[in-house]
């Protein structure tokens, strides 16, 4: 059975996040009025670095668990 996330603080079961740093360059495309168009590849070629070993709750920003505990299925 696959482990699922649930915040012990607020009960959220929907949205969570990890803290990461990214670096890269891209060409921001826009129309003649300055409205963004076709920027789907904005992160292509970027490099990412994990900044925290925890998964956080998107609702209350509290720590939910360590990433390695979630990936290994530990409680």
Protein backbone atom coordinates (compact mmCIF):
# COMPACT_ATOMS: atom_id res chain seq x y z
CA UNK A 1 0.00 0.00 0.00
CA UNK A 2 1.40 3.39 -0.99
CA UNK A 3 2.00 5.89 1.83
CA UNK A 4 0.00 9.12 1.67
CA UNK A 5 0.68 12.47 3.30
CA UNK A 6 -1.51 14.05 5.96
CA UNK A 7 -0.65 17.07 8.11
CA UNK A 8 -0.84 16.28 11.83
CA UNK A 9 -1.31 19.98 12.61
CA UNK A 10 -4.24 21.04 10.41
CA UNK A 11 -5.45 17.79 8.81
CA UNK A 12 -4.63 18.81 5.22
CA UNK A 13 -4.44 15.83 2.85
CA UNK A 14 -4.25 17.68 -0.48
CA UNK A 15 -1.25 19.96 -1.07
CA UNK A 16 2.34 19.73 0.19
CA UNK A 17 5.71 21.12 -0.91
CA UNK A 18 9.45 20.75 -0.65
CA UNK A 19 11.87 23.66 -0.54
CA UNK A 20 14.14 23.74 -3.56
CA UNK A 21 16.49 26.20 -5.20
CA UNK A 22 16.74 26.43 -8.97
CA UNK A 23 19.02 28.28 -11.36
CA UNK A 24 18.93 28.79 -15.10
CA UNK A 25 18.16 31.09 -17.99
CA UNK A 26 15.26 31.22 -20.47
CA UNK A 27 13.75 33.43 -23.10
CA UNK A 28 10.48 34.97 -21.87
CA UNK A 29 8.14 35.13 -24.87
CA UNK A 30 5.44 37.79 -25.15
CA UNK A 31 3.07 39.25 -27.71
CA UNK A 32 3.14 42.86 -28.95
CA UNK A 33 1.23 44.00 -25.85
CA UNK A 34 3.63 42.34 -23.43
CA UNK A 35 1.33 39.42 -22.55
CA UNK A 36 3.18 36.14 -21.92
CA UNK A 37 2.87 33.45 -24.62
CA UNK A 38 4.33 29.96 -24.93
CA UNK A 39 6.55 29.89 -21.85
CA UNK A 40 5.95 26.20 -21.13
CA UNK A 41 9.68 25.44 -21.34
CA UNK A 42 10.57 28.00 -18.66
CA UNK A 43 12.33 25.39 -16.47
CA UNK A 44 14.00 23.44 -19.29
CA UNK A 45 17.72 23.28 -18.62
CA UNK A 46 17.42 24.62 -15.08
CA UNK A 47 19.36 22.99 -12.27
CA UNK A 48 17.67 22.15 -8.98
CA UNK A 49 19.00 21.73 -5.46
CA UNK A 50 17.01 20.49 -2.48
CA UNK A 51 17.12 23.13 0.30
CA UNK A 52 15.38 21.17 3.06
CA UNK A 53 15.05 17.51 4.01
CA UNK A 54 11.38 17.96 4.93
CA UNK A 55 7.99 17.94 3.21
CA UNK A 56 5.81 20.87 4.33
CA UNK A 57 2.04 21.40 4.48
CA UNK A 58 0.80 23.96 1.93
CA UNK A 59 -2.07 24.98 4.27
CA UNK A 60 -0.19 25.71 7.53
CA UNK A 61 3.49 25.56 6.43
CA UNK A 62 4.37 23.08 9.20
CA UNK A 63 6.74 20.15 8.70
CA UNK A 64 4.88 16.96 7.79
CA UNK A 65 7.75 14.46 7.57
CA UNK A 66 11.26 13.94 6.28
CA UNK A 67 11.51 13.28 2.53
CA UNK A 68 13.52 10.10 3.09
CA UNK A 69 10.89 8.74 5.52
CA UNK A 70 8.13 9.31 2.97
CA UNK A 71 10.11 7.76 0.13
CA UNK A 72 10.98 4.69 2.22
CA UNK A 73 7.42 4.27 3.50
CA UNK A 74 8.40 4.68 7.18
CA UNK A 75 5.84 6.01 9.62
